[in-house]
Amino acid sequence: MGRWRRHLDPNVTRGAWDAREDAALRALYAELGPKWSRICESVPGRTAQQCRARWFQIDGSVARGGNENHDVD
């Protein structure tokens, strides 16, 4: 099932995340915590793995204890 779900399933969205999906992800994480299987049930077309990866992209520096407002040289 892994390969099917990750690479072949036509019901899985593989494109960029939109603002609506990001907002839903943040709200669901605030409510459920890191229960990715439950979160993905409420984000149509996204897998638990995609939700987890996106969470760490949009909120990863906070989750790792980093500073989002750092300067890049």
C-alpha atoms as a PDB file:
ATOM      1  CA  MET A   1       0.000   0.000   0.000  1.00  0.00           C
ATOM      2  CA  GLY A   2       2.905   2.391   0.656  1.00  0.00           C
ATOM      3  CA  ARG A   3       3.936   2.883  -2.960  1.00  0.00           C
ATOM      4  CA  TRP A   4       0.329   3.109  -4.115  1.00  0.00           C
ATOM      5  CA  ARG A   5      -0.566   5.763  -1.568  1.00  0.00           C
ATOM      6  CA  ARG A   6       2.642   7.773  -1.918  1.00  0.00           C
ATOM      7  CA  HIS A   7       3.123   7.701  -5.679  1.00  0.00           C
ATOM      8  CA  LEU A   8       0.192   6.300  -7.640  1.00  0.00           C
ATOM      9  CA  ASP A   9      -3.096   7.082  -5.859  1.00  0.00           C
ATOM     10  CA  PRO A  10      -4.930   9.659  -8.006  1.00  0.00           C
ATOM     11  CA  ASN A  11      -6.832  10.938  -4.953  1.00  0.00           C
ATOM     12  CA  VAL A  12      -3.662  12.249  -3.315  1.00  0.00           C
ATOM     13  CA  THR A  13      -2.835  15.886  -4.026  1.00  0.00           C
ATOM     14  CA  ARG A  14       0.844  16.352  -4.838  1.00  0.00           C
ATOM     15  CA  GLY A  15       0.887  20.024  -5.673  1.00  0.00           C
ATOM     16  CA  ALA A  16       1.675  23.022  -3.535  1.00  0.00           C
ATOM     17  CA  TRP A  17      -0.273  23.588  -0.340  1.00  0.00           C
ATOM     18  CA  ASP A  18      -2.683  26.519  -0.389  1.00  0.00           C
ATOM     19  CA  ALA A  19      -3.437  28.947   2.446  1.00  0.00           C
ATOM     20  CA  ARG A  20      -6.696  27.153   3.291  1.00  0.00           C
ATOM     21  CA  GLU A  21      -4.885  23.841   3.779  1.00  0.00           C
ATOM     22  CA  ASP A  22      -2.187  25.504   5.899  1.00  0.00           C
ATOM     23  CA  ALA A  23      -4.821  27.145   8.097  1.00  0.00           C
ATOM     24  CA  ALA A  24      -6.651  23.835   8.523  1.00  0.00           C
ATOM     25  CA  LEU A  25      -3.383  22.083   9.379  1.00  0.00           C
ATOM     26  CA  ARG A  26      -2.520  24.659  12.049  1.00  0.00           C
ATOM     27  CA  ALA A  27      -5.990  24.507  13.602  1.00  0.00           C
ATOM     28  CA  LEU A  28      -6.057  20.714  13.614  1.00  0.00           C
ATOM     29  CA  TYR A  29      -2.574  20.492  15.109  1.00  0.00           C
ATOM     30  CA  ALA A  30      -3.599  22.919  17.847  1.00  0.00           C
ATOM     31  CA  GLU A  31      -6.630  20.743  18.582  1.00  0.00           C
ATOM     32  CA  LEU A  32      -5.179  17.230  18.149  1.00  0.00           C
ATOM     33  CA  GLY A  33      -1.436  17.565  18.511  1.00  0.00           C
ATOM     34  CA  PRO A  34       0.804  15.368  16.339  1.00  0.00           C
ATOM     35  CA  LYS A  35      -1.879  12.811  15.455  1.00  0.00           C
ATOM     36  CA  TRP A  36      -1.150  12.903  11.739  1.00  0.00           C
ATOM     37  CA  SER A  37      -3.543  10.095  10.779  1.00  0.00           C
ATOM     38  CA  ARG A  38      -6.441  11.939  12.378  1.00  0.00           C
ATOM     39  CA  ILE A  39      -5.335  15.276  10.957  1.00  0.00           C
ATOM     40  CA  CYS A  40      -5.142  13.981   7.375  1.00  0.00           C
ATOM     41  CA  GLU A  41      -8.765  12.795   7.595  1.00  0.00           C
ATOM     42  CA  SER A  42      -9.765  16.476   7.732  1.00  0.00           C
ATOM     43  CA  VAL A  43      -7.396  17.697   5.016  1.00  0.00           C
ATOM     44  CA  PRO A  44      -8.804  16.143   1.821  1.00  0.00           C
ATOM     45  CA  GLY A  45      -6.278  14.780  -0.631  1.00  0.00           C
ATOM     46  CA  ARG A  46      -3.323  14.851   1.775  1.00  0.00           C
ATOM     47  CA  THR A  47      -1.682  11.894   3.481  1.00  0.00           C
ATOM     48  CA  ALA A  48      -0.500  11.775   7.089  1.00  0.00           C
ATOM     49  CA  GLN A  49       3.089  11.875   5.837  1.00  0.00           C
ATOM     50  CA  GLN A  50       2.370  15.002   3.766  1.00  0.00           C
ATOM     51  CA  CYS A  51       0.685  16.700   6.729  1.00  0.00           C
ATOM     52  CA  ARG A  52       3.620  15.957   8.996  1.00  0.00           C
ATOM     53  CA  ALA A  53       6.167  17.164   6.437  1.00  0.00           C
ATOM     54  CA  ARG A  54       4.192  20.347   5.787  1.00  0.00           C
ATOM     55  CA  TRP A  55       3.879  21.031   9.514  1.00  0.00           C
ATOM     56  CA  PHE A  56       7.646  20.998   9.862  1.00  0.00           C
ATOM     57  CA  GLN A  57       7.996  23.258   6.812  1.00  0.00           C
ATOM     58  CA  ILE A  58       5.600  25.931   8.060  1.00  0.00           C
ATOM     59  CA  ASP A  59       6.229  25.632  11.778  1.00  0.00           C
ATOM     60  CA  GLY A  60       9.431  23.637  11.974  1.00  0.00           C
ATOM     61  CA  SER A  61      11.685  26.282  13.389  1.00  0.00           C
ATOM     62  CA  VAL A  62       9.267  26.798  16.272  1.00  0.00           C
ATOM     63  CA  ALA A  63       8.928  23.041  16.821  1.00  0.00           C
ATOM     64  CA  ARG A  64      12.733  22.666  16.874  1.00  0.00           C
ATOM     65  CA  GLY A  65      13.129  25.638  19.215  1.00  0.00           C
ATOM     66  CA  GLY A  66      14.638  27.864  16.547  1.00  0.00           C
ATOM     67  CA  ASN A  67      14.000  31.501  15.817  1.00  0.00           C
ATOM     68  CA  GLU A  68      11.873  32.269  12.755  1.00  0.00           C
ATOM     69  CA  ASN A  69      13.168  35.842  12.561  1.00  0.00           C
ATOM     70  CA  HIS A  70      16.832  35.008  12.005  1.00  0.00           C
ATOM     71  CA  ASP A  71      18.963  36.891   9.512  1.00  0.00           C
ATOM     72  CA  VAL A  72      20.375  35.060   6.535  1.00  0.00           C
ATOM     73  CA  ASP A  73      23.658  36.297   5.101  1.00  0.00           C
END
